[in-house]
Structure formats: structure tokens, C-alpha cells
C-alpha atoms as a PDB file:
ATOM      1  CA  UNK A   1     -21.005  -8.848 -23.279  1.00  0.00           C
ATOM      2  CA  UNK A   2     -19.338 -12.124 -22.295  1.00  0.00           C
ATOM      3  CA  UNK A   3     -15.928 -10.451 -22.574  1.00  0.00           C
ATOM      4  CA  UNK A   4     -17.144  -7.584 -20.390  1.00  0.00           C
ATOM      5  CA  UNK A   5     -18.869  -9.536 -17.616  1.00  0.00           C
ATOM      6  CA  UNK A   6     -16.688 -12.493 -16.644  1.00  0.00           C
ATOM      7  CA  UNK A   7     -15.321 -13.776 -13.346  1.00  0.00           C
ATOM      8  CA  UNK A   8     -11.867 -12.090 -13.562  1.00  0.00           C
ATOM      9  CA  UNK A   9     -13.473  -8.734 -14.380  1.00  0.00           C
ATOM     10  CA  UNK A  10     -15.910  -9.084 -11.485  1.00  0.00           C
ATOM     11  CA  UNK A  11     -12.965  -9.785  -9.159  1.00  0.00           C
ATOM     12  CA  UNK A  12     -11.261  -6.654 -10.495  1.00  0.00           C
ATOM     13  CA  UNK A  13     -14.425  -4.660  -9.775  1.00  0.00           C
ATOM     14  CA  UNK A  14     -14.417  -5.964  -6.177  1.00  0.00           C
ATOM     15  CA  UNK A  15     -10.852  -4.662  -5.915  1.00  0.00           C
ATOM     16  CA  UNK A  16     -12.139  -1.219  -6.975  1.00  0.00           C
ATOM     17  CA  UNK A  17     -15.110  -1.299  -4.583  1.00  0.00           C
ATOM     18  CA  UNK A  18     -12.863  -2.328  -1.682  1.00  0.00           C
ATOM     19  CA  UNK A  19     -10.594   0.623  -2.463  1.00  0.00           C
ATOM     20  CA  UNK A  20     -13.522   3.053  -2.524  1.00  0.00           C
ATOM     21  CA  UNK A  21     -14.788   1.706   0.798  1.00  0.00           C
ATOM     22  CA  UNK A  22     -11.275   2.056   2.229  1.00  0.00           C
ATOM     23  CA  UNK A  23     -11.337   5.762   1.348  1.00  0.00           C
ATOM     24  CA  UNK A  24     -14.797   6.241   2.880  1.00  0.00           C
ATOM     25  CA  UNK A  25     -13.806   4.501   6.116  1.00  0.00           C
ATOM     26  CA  UNK A  26     -10.577   6.517   6.304  1.00  0.00           C
ATOM     27  CA  UNK A  27     -12.471   9.836   6.210  1.00  0.00           C
ATOM     28  CA  UNK A  28     -14.835   8.547   8.916  1.00  0.00           C
ATOM     29  CA  UNK A  29     -11.863   7.990  11.226  1.00  0.00           C
ATOM     30  CA  UNK A  30     -11.756   4.190  10.859  1.00  0.00           C
ATOM     31  CA  UNK A  31      -8.185   4.055   9.594  1.00  0.00           C
ATOM     32  CA  UNK A  32      -7.825   0.447  10.744  1.00  0.00           C
ATOM     33  CA  UNK A  33     -10.888  -0.704   8.764  1.00  0.00           C
ATOM     34  CA  UNK A  34      -9.501   1.193   5.788  1.00  0.00           C
ATOM     35  CA  UNK A  35      -6.298  -0.869   5.979  1.00  0.00           C
ATOM     36  CA  UNK A  36      -8.244  -4.123   6.223  1.00  0.00           C
ATOM     37  CA  UNK A  37     -10.250  -3.193   3.123  1.00  0.00           C
ATOM     38  CA  UNK A  38      -7.025  -2.493   1.252  1.00  0.00           C
ATOM     39  CA  UNK A  39      -5.785  -5.983   2.196  1.00  0.00           C
ATOM     40  CA  UNK A  40      -9.067  -7.413   0.923  1.00  0.00           C
ATOM     41  CA  UNK A  41      -8.577  -5.494  -2.323  1.00  0.00           C
ATOM     42  CA  UNK A  42      -5.064  -6.938  -2.627  1.00  0.00           C
ATOM     43  CA  UNK A  43      -6.568 -10.443  -2.434  1.00  0.00           C
ATOM     44  CA  UNK A  44      -9.018  -9.594  -5.226  1.00  0.00           C
ATOM     45  CA  UNK A  45      -6.122  -8.095  -7.207  1.00  0.00           C
ATOM     46  CA  UNK A  46      -4.237 -11.388  -6.938  1.00  0.00           C
ATOM     47  CA  UNK A  47      -7.284 -13.509  -7.697  1.00  0.00           C
ATOM     48  CA  UNK A  48      -8.350 -11.693 -10.862  1.00  0.00           C
ATOM     49  CA  UNK A  49      -5.050 -12.493 -12.576  1.00  0.00           C
ATOM     50  CA  UNK A  50      -4.886 -16.008 -11.149  1.00  0.00           C
ATOM     51  CA  UNK A  51      -8.429 -16.854 -12.271  1.00  0.00           C
ATOM     52  CA  UNK A  52      -7.870 -15.246 -15.672  1.00  0.00           C
ATOM     53  CA  UNK A  53      -4.836 -17.469 -16.259  1.00  0.00           C
ATOM     54  CA  UNK A  54      -6.664 -20.583 -15.096  1.00  0.00           C
ATOM     55  CA  UNK A  55      -9.687 -19.804 -17.298  1.00  0.00           C
ATOM     56  CA  UNK A  56      -7.406 -18.743 -20.156  1.00  0.00           C
ATOM     57  CA  UNK A  57      -9.089 -15.372 -20.387  1.00  0.00           C
ATOM     58  CA  UNK A  58      -6.947 -12.527 -21.649  1.00  0.00           C
ATOM     59  CA  UNK A  59      -7.460  -9.227 -23.384  1.00  0.00           C
ATOM     60  CA  UNK A  60      -6.861  -5.509 -23.278  1.00  0.00           C
ATOM     61  CA  UNK A  61     -10.130  -4.836 -21.416  1.00  0.00           C
ATOM     62  CA  UNK A  62      -9.124  -6.781 -18.316  1.00  0.00           C
ATOM     63  CA  UNK A  63      -5.688  -5.172 -18.349  1.00  0.00           C
ATOM     64  CA  UNK A  64      -7.139  -1.660 -18.432  1.00  0.00           C
ATOM     65  CA  UNK A  65      -9.742  -2.463 -15.769  1.00  0.00           C
ATOM     66  CA  UNK A  66      -7.020  -3.818 -13.492  1.00  0.00           C
ATOM     67  CA  UNK A  67      -4.966  -0.629 -13.778  1.00  0.00           C
ATOM     68  CA  UNK A  68      -7.993   1.605 -13.169  1.00  0.00           C
ATOM     69  CA  UNK A  69      -8.930  -0.366 -10.059  1.00  0.00           C
ATOM     70  CA  UNK A  70      -5.325  -0.362  -8.833  1.00  0.00           C
ATOM     71  CA  UNK A  71      -5.113   3.412  -9.258  1.00  0.00           C
ATOM     72  CA  UNK A  72      -7.953   3.827  -6.769  1.00  0.00           C
ATOM     73  CA  UNK A  73      -6.957   1.100  -4.305  1.00  0.00           C
ATOM     74  CA  UNK A  74      -3.161   1.313  -4.449  1.00  0.00           C
ATOM     75  CA  UNK A  75      -2.778   4.941  -5.492  1.00  0.00           C
ATOM     76  CA  UNK A  76      -5.542   7.184  -4.167  1.00  0.00           C
ATOM     77  CA  UNK A  77      -6.435   5.178  -1.030  1.00  0.00           C
ATOM     78  CA  UNK A  78      -2.896   5.034   0.483  1.00  0.00           C
ATOM     79  CA  UNK A  79      -2.380   8.697  -0.380  1.00  0.00           C
ATOM     80  CA  UNK A  80      -5.520   9.643   1.535  1.00  0.00           C
ATOM     81  CA  UNK A  81      -4.636   7.295   4.397  1.00  0.00           C
ATOM     82  CA  UNK A  82      -1.242   8.942   4.945  1.00  0.00           C
ATOM     83  CA  UNK A  83      -2.708  12.403   4.338  1.00  0.00           C
ATOM     84  CA  UNK A  84      -5.179  11.852   7.177  1.00  0.00           C
ATOM     85  CA  UNK A  85      -2.525  10.327   9.434  1.00  0.00           C
ATOM     86  CA  UNK A  86      -0.380  13.449   9.039  1.00  0.00           C
ATOM     87  CA  UNK A  87      -3.462  15.664   9.452  1.00  0.00           C
ATOM     88  CA  UNK A  88      -4.308  13.953  12.757  1.00  0.00           C
ATOM     89  CA  UNK A  89      -0.745  14.479  13.969  1.00  0.00           C
ATOM     90  CA  UNK A  90      -0.842  18.170  13.009  1.00  0.00           C
ATOM     91  CA  UNK A  91      -3.988  18.637  15.128  1.00  0.00           C
ATOM     92  CA  UNK A  92      -2.448  17.473  18.396  1.00  0.00           C
ATOM     93  CA  UNK A  93      -1.625  13.854  17.642  1.00  0.00           C
ATOM     94  CA  UNK A  94      -2.931  10.872  19.560  1.00  0.00           C
ATOM     95  CA  UNK A  95      -4.306  11.487  23.028  1.00  0.00           C
ATOM     96  CA  UNK A  96      -4.809   8.423  25.212  1.00  0.00           C
ATOM     97  CA  UNK A  97      -8.195   8.674  26.795  1.00  0.00           C
ATOM     98  CA  UNK A  98     -10.315   5.743  27.937  1.00  0.00           C
ATOM     99  CA  UNK A  99     -13.473   7.733  27.233  1.00  0.00           C
ATOM    100  CA  UNK A 100     -13.054   7.864  23.439  1.00  0.00           C
ATOM    101  CA  UNK A 101     -12.220   5.172  20.930  1.00  0.00           C
ATOM    102  CA  UNK A 102      -9.452   5.159  18.335  1.00  0.00           C
ATOM    103  CA  UNK A 103     -11.844   5.941  15.468  1.00  0.00           C
ATOM    104  CA  UNK A 104     -13.684   8.665  17.415  1.00  0.00           C
ATOM    105  CA  UNK A 105     -10.436  10.446  18.183  1.00  0.00           C
ATOM    106  CA  UNK A 106      -9.312  10.145  14.555  1.00  0.00           C
ATOM    107  CA  UNK A 107     -12.602  11.579  13.301  1.00  0.00           C
ATOM    108  CA  UNK A 108     -12.386  14.479  15.740  1.00  0.00           C
ATOM    109  CA  UNK A 109      -8.825  15.355  14.663  1.00  0.00           C
ATOM    110  CA  UNK A 110      -9.722  15.038  10.971  1.00  0.00           C
ATOM    111  CA  UNK A 111     -12.666  17.391  11.429  1.00  0.00           C
ATOM    112  CA  UNK A 112     -10.424  19.871  13.221  1.00  0.00           C
ATOM    113  CA  UNK A 113      -7.881  19.788  10.405  1.00  0.00           C
ATOM    114  CA  UNK A 114     -10.415  20.372   7.641  1.00  0.00           C
ATOM    115  CA  UNK A 115     -12.013  23.135   9.675  1.00  0.00           C
ATOM    116  CA  UNK A 116      -8.605  24.832   9.784  1.00  0.00           C
ATOM    117  CA  UNK A 117      -8.520  24.755   5.967  1.00  0.00           C
ATOM    118  CA  UNK A 118     -11.217  27.416   5.871  1.00  0.00           C
ATOM    119  CA  UNK A 119     -10.330  30.691   4.173  1.00  0.00           C
ATOM    120  CA  UNK A 120      -9.730  32.604   7.403  1.00  0.00           C
ATOM    121  CA  UNK A 121      -7.310  30.057   8.813  1.00  0.00           C
ATOM    122  CA  UNK A 122      -5.546  29.030   5.627  1.00  0.00           C
ATOM    123  CA  UNK A 123      -2.209  30.563   6.609  1.00  0.00           C
ATOM    124  CA  UNK A 124      -2.161  28.820   9.967  1.00  0.00           C
ATOM    125  CA  UNK A 125      -2.831  25.292   8.707  1.00  0.00           C
ATOM    126  CA  UNK A 126      -0.112  22.660   8.318  1.00  0.00           C
ATOM    127  CA  UNK A 127       0.417  21.855   4.636  1.00  0.00           C
ATOM    128  CA  UNK A 128       2.665  18.879   5.385  1.00  0.00           C
ATOM    129  CA  UNK A 129      -0.162  16.290   4.928  1.00  0.00           C
ATOM    130  CA  UNK A 130      -0.369  17.243   1.247  1.00  0.00           C
ATOM    131  CA  UNK A 131       3.040  15.591   0.754  1.00  0.00           C
ATOM    132  CA  UNK A 132       1.138  12.291   0.915  1.00  0.00           C
ATOM    133  CA  UNK A 133      -0.364  13.083  -2.506  1.00  0.00           C
ATOM    134  CA  UNK A 134       3.006  12.154  -4.000  1.00  0.00           C
ATOM    135  CA  UNK A 135       1.815   8.542  -3.635  1.00  0.00           C
ATOM    136  CA  UNK A 136      -1.147   8.751  -6.058  1.00  0.00           C
ATOM    137  CA  UNK A 137       0.762  11.175  -8.303  1.00  0.00           C
ATOM    138  CA  UNK A 138       3.630   8.754  -8.984  1.00  0.00           C
ATOM    139  CA  UNK A 139       1.364   5.683  -8.817  1.00  0.00           C
ATOM    140  CA  UNK A 140      -0.391   7.067 -11.903  1.00  0.00           C
ATOM    141  CA  UNK A 141       2.878   7.061 -13.853  1.00  0.00           C
ATOM    142  CA  UNK A 142       3.837   3.655 -12.486  1.00  0.00           C
ATOM    143  CA  UNK A 143       0.573   1.996 -13.569  1.00  0.00           C
ATOM    144  CA  UNK A 144       0.550   3.660 -16.986  1.00  0.00           C
ATOM    145  CA  UNK A 145       4.150   2.560 -17.549  1.00  0.00           C
ATOM    146  CA  UNK A 146       3.342  -1.009 -16.529  1.00  0.00           C
ATOM    147  CA  UNK A 147       0.636  -1.266 -19.198  1.00  0.00           C
ATOM    148  CA  UNK A 148       3.031  -0.523 -22.056  1.00  0.00           C
ATOM    149  CA  UNK A 149       6.315  -1.933 -20.700  1.00  0.00           C
ATOM    150  CA  UNK A 150       6.886  -5.351 -22.309  1.00  0.00           C
ATOM    151  CA  UNK A 151       9.805  -6.107 -19.965  1.00  0.00           C
ATOM    152  CA  UNK A 152       7.537  -6.698 -16.955  1.00  0.00           C
ATOM    153  CA  UNK A 153       6.308 -10.212 -17.659  1.00  0.00           C
ATOM    154  CA  UNK A 154       8.221 -12.244 -15.037  1.00  0.00           C
ATOM    155  CA  UNK A 155       9.298  -9.399 -12.750  1.00  0.00           C
ATOM    156  CA  UNK A 156       8.593  -5.740 -12.052  1.00  0.00           C
ATOM    157  CA  UNK A 157      10.622  -2.730 -13.185  1.00  0.00           C
ATOM    158  CA  UNK A 158      10.062  -0.393 -10.282  1.00  0.00           C
ATOM    159  CA  UNK A 159       8.246  -1.146  -7.048  1.00  0.00           C
ATOM    160  CA  UNK A 160       4.704  -2.405  -7.607  1.00  0.00           C
ATOM    161  CA  UNK A 161       1.862  -0.304  -6.191  1.00  0.00           C
ATOM    162  CA  UNK A 162       0.358  -3.014  -3.900  1.00  0.00           C
ATOM    163  CA  UNK A 163       3.710  -3.481  -2.092  1.00  0.00           C
ATOM    164  CA  UNK A 164       4.059   0.293  -1.650  1.00  0.00           C
ATOM    165  CA  UNK A 165       0.506   0.539  -0.307  1.00  0.00           C
ATOM    166  CA  UNK A 166       0.880  -2.373   2.110  1.00  0.00           C
ATOM    167  CA  UNK A 167       4.018  -0.711   3.504  1.00  0.00           C
ATOM    168  CA  UNK A 168       2.082   2.445   4.401  1.00  0.00           C
ATOM    169  CA  UNK A 169      -0.888   0.586   5.908  1.00  0.00           C
ATOM    170  CA  UNK A 170       1.430  -0.456   8.738  1.00  0.00           C
ATOM    171  CA  UNK A 171       1.480   3.040  10.239  1.00  0.00           C
ATOM    172  CA  UNK A 172      -2.253   3.454  11.032  1.00  0.00           C
ATOM    173  CA  UNK A 173      -2.372  -0.100  12.413  1.00  0.00           C
ATOM    174  CA  UNK A 174       0.661   0.519  14.626  1.00  0.00           C
ATOM    175  CA  UNK A 175      -1.027   3.665  15.947  1.00  0.00           C
ATOM    176  CA  UNK A 176      -4.178   1.699  16.703  1.00  0.00           C
ATOM    177  CA  UNK A 177      -2.201  -0.957  18.578  1.00  0.00           C
ATOM    178  CA  UNK A 178      -0.402   1.672  20.631  1.00  0.00           C
ATOM    179  CA  UNK A 179      -3.684   3.450  21.363  1.00  0.00           C
ATOM    180  CA  UNK A 180      -5.433   0.269  22.539  1.00  0.00           C
ATOM    181  CA  UNK A 181      -2.572  -1.621  24.168  1.00  0.00           C
ATOM    182  CA  UNK A 182      -0.781   1.469  25.516  1.00  0.00           C
ATOM    183  CA  UNK A 183       2.699   0.185  24.673  1.00  0.00           C
ATOM    184  CA  UNK A 184       5.584   1.315  22.478  1.00  0.00           C
ATOM    185  CA  UNK A 185       4.088   4.810  22.341  1.00  0.00           C
ATOM    186  CA  UNK A 186       7.340   6.697  21.875  1.00  0.00           C
ATOM    187  CA  UNK A 187       8.678   4.367  19.184  1.00  0.00           C
ATOM    188  CA  UNK A 188       5.466   4.139  17.172  1.00  0.00           C
ATOM    189  CA  UNK A 189       4.546   7.823  17.237  1.00  0.00           C
ATOM    190  CA  UNK A 190       8.065   8.761  16.170  1.00  0.00           C
ATOM    191  CA  UNK A 191       7.358   7.132  12.814  1.00  0.00           C
ATOM    192  CA  UNK A 192       4.207   9.142  12.072  1.00  0.00           C
ATOM    193  CA  UNK A 193       5.964  12.458  12.473  1.00  0.00           C
ATOM    194  CA  UNK A 194       6.441  14.366   9.205  1.00  0.00           C
ATOM    195  CA  UNK A 195      10.216  14.304   9.622  1.00  0.00           C
ATOM    196  CA  UNK A 196      10.112  10.497   9.200  1.00  0.00           C
ATOM    197  CA  UNK A 197       6.934   9.819   7.254  1.00  0.00           C
ATOM    198  CA  UNK A 198       7.340  12.421   4.493  1.00  0.00           C
ATOM    199  CA  UNK A 199      10.847  11.237   3.475  1.00  0.00           C
ATOM    200  CA  UNK A 200       9.494   7.674   3.452  1.00  0.00           C
ATOM    201  CA  UNK A 201       6.654   8.783   1.176  1.00  0.00           C
ATOM    202  CA  UNK A 202       9.139  10.403  -1.215  1.00  0.00           C
ATOM    203  CA  UNK A 203      11.584   7.466  -1.242  1.00  0.00           C
ATOM    204  CA  UNK A 204       8.971   4.725  -1.627  1.00  0.00           C
ATOM    205  CA  UNK A 205       7.054   6.664  -4.270  1.00  0.00           C
ATOM    206  CA  UNK A 206      10.214   7.296  -6.291  1.00  0.00           C
ATOM    207  CA  UNK A 207      10.865   3.549  -6.245  1.00  0.00           C
ATOM    208  CA  UNK A 208       7.543   3.139  -8.095  1.00  0.00           C
ATOM    209  CA  UNK A 209       8.953   4.798 -11.211  1.00  0.00           C
ATOM    210  CA  UNK A 210      12.538   3.590 -10.804  1.00  0.00           C
ATOM    211  CA  UNK A 211      14.309   1.224 -13.192  1.00  0.00           C
ATOM    212  CA  UNK A 212      15.183  -1.188 -10.376  1.00  0.00           C
ATOM    213  CA  UNK A 213      13.973  -4.767 -11.051  1.00  0.00           C
ATOM    214  CA  UNK A 214      11.833  -6.362  -8.315  1.00  0.00           C
ATOM    215  CA  UNK A 215      10.921 -10.029  -8.313  1.00  0.00           C
ATOM    216  CA  UNK A 216       7.263 -11.007  -8.602  1.00  0.00           C
ATOM    217  CA  UNK A 217       5.429 -13.715  -6.674  1.00  0.00           C
ATOM    218  CA  UNK A 218       4.126 -15.410  -9.808  1.00  0.00           C
ATOM    219  CA  UNK A 219       5.067 -19.104  -9.831  1.00  0.00           C
ATOM    220  CA  UNK A 220       5.357 -20.701 -13.281  1.00  0.00           C
ATOM    221  CA  UNK A 221       6.351 -23.936 -11.560  1.00  0.00           C
ATOM    222  CA  UNK A 222       7.250 -24.946  -8.010  1.00  0.00           C
ATOM    223  CA  UNK A 223      10.870 -25.988  -8.531  1.00  0.00           C
ATOM    224  CA  UNK A 224      13.558 -24.685  -6.175  1.00  0.00           C
ATOM    225  CA  UNK A 225      15.847 -23.733  -9.063  1.00  0.00           C
ATOM    226  CA  UNK A 226      13.364 -21.321 -10.623  1.00  0.00           C
ATOM    227  CA  UNK A 227      11.862 -19.938  -7.411  1.00  0.00           C
ATOM    228  CA  UNK A 228      14.647 -19.662  -4.832  1.00  0.00           C
ATOM    229  CA  UNK A 229      14.065 -16.008  -4.004  1.00  0.00           C
ATOM    230  CA  UNK A 230      10.274 -16.424  -3.849  1.00  0.00           C
ATOM    231  CA  UNK A 231      10.415 -19.451  -1.559  1.00  0.00           C
ATOM    232  CA  UNK A 232      12.961 -17.796   0.751  1.00  0.00           C
ATOM    233  CA  UNK A 233      10.855 -14.624   0.915  1.00  0.00           C
ATOM    234  CA  UNK A 234       7.581 -16.433   1.643  1.00  0.00           C
ATOM    235  CA  UNK A 235       9.316 -18.656   4.242  1.00  0.00           C
ATOM    236  CA  UNK A 236      10.657 -15.627   6.130  1.00  0.00           C
ATOM    237  CA  UNK A 237       7.237 -13.953   5.911  1.00  0.00           C
ATOM    238  CA  UNK A 238       5.621 -17.049   7.439  1.00  0.00           C
ATOM    239  CA  UNK A 239       8.001 -16.730  10.399  1.00  0.00           C
ATOM    240  CA  UNK A 240       7.764 -12.958  10.877  1.00  0.00           C
ATOM    241  CA  UNK A 241       3.976 -12.491  10.736  1.00  0.00           C
ATOM    242  CA  UNK A 242       2.996 -14.616  13.804  1.00  0.00           C
ATOM    243  CA  UNK A 243       5.963 -13.302  15.819  1.00  0.00           C
ATOM    244  CA  UNK A 244       5.929  -9.559  15.044  1.00  0.00           C
ATOM    245  CA  UNK A 245       2.279  -9.135  13.965  1.00  0.00           C
ATOM    246  CA  UNK A 246       1.741  -5.558  12.708  1.00  0.00           C
ATOM    247  CA  UNK A 247       5.444  -4.738  12.978  1.00  0.00           C
ATOM    248  CA  UNK A 248       6.064  -7.464  10.400  1.00  0.00           C
ATOM    249  CA  UNK A 249       4.354  -5.435   7.642  1.00  0.00           C
ATOM    250  CA  UNK A 250       7.013  -2.735   7.073  1.00  0.00           C
ATOM    251  CA  UNK A 251       9.793  -5.240   7.796  1.00  0.00           C
ATOM    252  CA  UNK A 252       8.462  -7.619   5.126  1.00  0.00           C
ATOM    253  CA  UNK A 253       8.334  -4.852   2.504  1.00  0.00           C
ATOM    254  CA  UNK A 254      11.874  -3.723   3.389  1.00  0.00           C
ATOM    255  CA  UNK A 255      12.932  -7.382   3.153  1.00  0.00           C
ATOM    256  CA  UNK A 256      11.312  -7.524  -0.295  1.00  0.00           C
ATOM    257  CA  UNK A 257      13.387  -4.524  -1.388  1.00  0.00           C
ATOM    258  CA  UNK A 258      16.630  -6.037  -0.054  1.00  0.00           C
ATOM    259  CA  UNK A 259      16.029  -9.490  -1.534  1.00  0.00           C
ATOM    260  CA  UNK A 260      15.253  -7.920  -4.911  1.00  0.00           C
ATOM    261  CA  UNK A 261      18.607  -6.112  -4.838  1.00  0.00           C
ATOM    262  CA  UNK A 262      20.381  -9.353  -3.862  1.00  0.00           C
ATOM    263  CA  UNK A 263      18.587 -11.235  -6.648  1.00  0.00           C
ATOM    264  CA  UNK A 264      19.597  -8.555  -9.163  1.00  0.00           C
ATOM    265  CA  UNK A 265      23.241  -8.886  -8.146  1.00  0.00           C
ATOM    266  CA  UNK A 266      23.041 -12.689  -8.411  1.00  0.00           C
ATOM    267  CA  UNK A 267      21.621 -12.482 -11.924  1.00  0.00           C
ATOM    268  CA  UNK A 268      24.350 -10.041 -12.954  1.00  0.00           C
ATOM    269  CA  UNK A 269      27.047 -12.455 -11.754  1.00  0.00           C
ATOM    270  CA  UNK A 270      25.432 -15.293 -13.708  1.00  0.00           C
ATOM    271  CA  UNK A 271      25.340 -13.272 -16.947  1.00  0.00           C
ATOM    272  CA  UNK A 272      28.976 -12.135 -16.654  1.00  0.00           C
END
């Protein structure tokens, strides 16, 4: 029982619960709250491993629990989030009206989309939102692979699911900002069109199961020599977030991809 109910496992369970709540809030039209709950889950996901290392608790149970929780929070939840975003766009997109709120409009569009999925209207509905299910589909393979891949101790082979999820949370939050602040409409709503969003879903999801190495943010020590890429990345993040706010989210993930490629090339030169 002690191995089952310990602090790291409780933190993992909070990750799972946050992911479930994110899904519930997404279907109710609160896409912004859904994103915030995913960020909260990401904190729990970091803390469970950190606390486990500090308490010197390890075992197969915690590893399996972590993957199961991650499948919900960083697989199913982002898939549903993007599914609903595309569904809202297919039902007339975002209409700026002072009378209704962001969440009310989302809920109305979501209801309209699911109503169109009835048997009589099945041939008229847009099936493009279902492309978002590529995210949970390939996340399943990514997480299963991670559990048995002994190479992923100090770095990741393939994009990790939290980074992929955080990238896609930027789109609902950008829509909310445009809806409330009434700025950058054309630029923001270009990105939630299927012609942009679906290829991004495919590319980012394929990176999950790729053989490309990505650096992790786990610090074994705090020396510059062993953590150059991590320190540079976190320093740039600290500058971008207060300046660009929500726009910083996709930029930071793209930066993570680029720095990982640069780090891979640097390591290759060292080994030659």
C-alpha cells in the first residue's frame, strides 16, 4: 500500500485529474480554462518525477501511472482541444459580438457542429476536425515507446508529449485574446484554418515518433559545461514570455525544436 499511495503517485494522479477537467471544460466552450488546466497538469507532471528523485522513490508502478496520466493530459486533451477549435471554425468561425462571451460563442458553435453530425446531416458536415485525432493516436505510440526505450535517460528520442501539447494550447488562447482585445484578427484566425492547423497537427505529431533527439530540461548539476543548451533555452524563454505573452508559446516550442537540432549537430562534431 505504501508503494501505491505515496507523494509522487498522488502528484501523478493530480496530473490525470487536471487533464480530465481540461477535457470537460473544453466541451463546455471554456477552451482557455482547458489550456490553463493543461499547464497545471504539466506542473504536476514535472513535480512527480522531481519529488520521486528527491525522495528516492522509483519503481515500475510510478512509471506506468505517469504514462497513463500523460496519455489523457498530453494525448487525448490536446486532440479534443484542436478538434473543437476546428469544429468551431467549420460552423462559422469567431464572430465578434459584445453581447456574448468567448466561452458562450464557443459552446454555441460546438453544439451546432455536433448537431450537424446527426444521421440526416452526416454528408454535409465537415470531417476536417477529425484530423486532430492524429495527436492522441501517435501520442499513444510515443508514450509506449518511451517506457521501453533505454536510450531516453538524459534526452528524448522524438518530441515529448508535453511540448507538443503546449504548442497547440497557444491557438485557443490566441483566439481568446483576439476575441477580447479585438486585435490581430486576420493574423490569428489564419492559423486556425484547416489549411494551416491540420498540416501542423501532422508534422508535430510525426515528430512524436521520430528518431530525432531532443534535449530534456533535467539538470544533473548546474554547471555551464553540462547545461549550455538548457541555460540558453531557459534564458531566451525568460525574455520572450513577458514581451510576447501568448505569442511566446508557439515560438518557444519552435525554438526548442531548432536548439535541439543545433545541439545534435554540435554533438556530432564532437564525436567525429
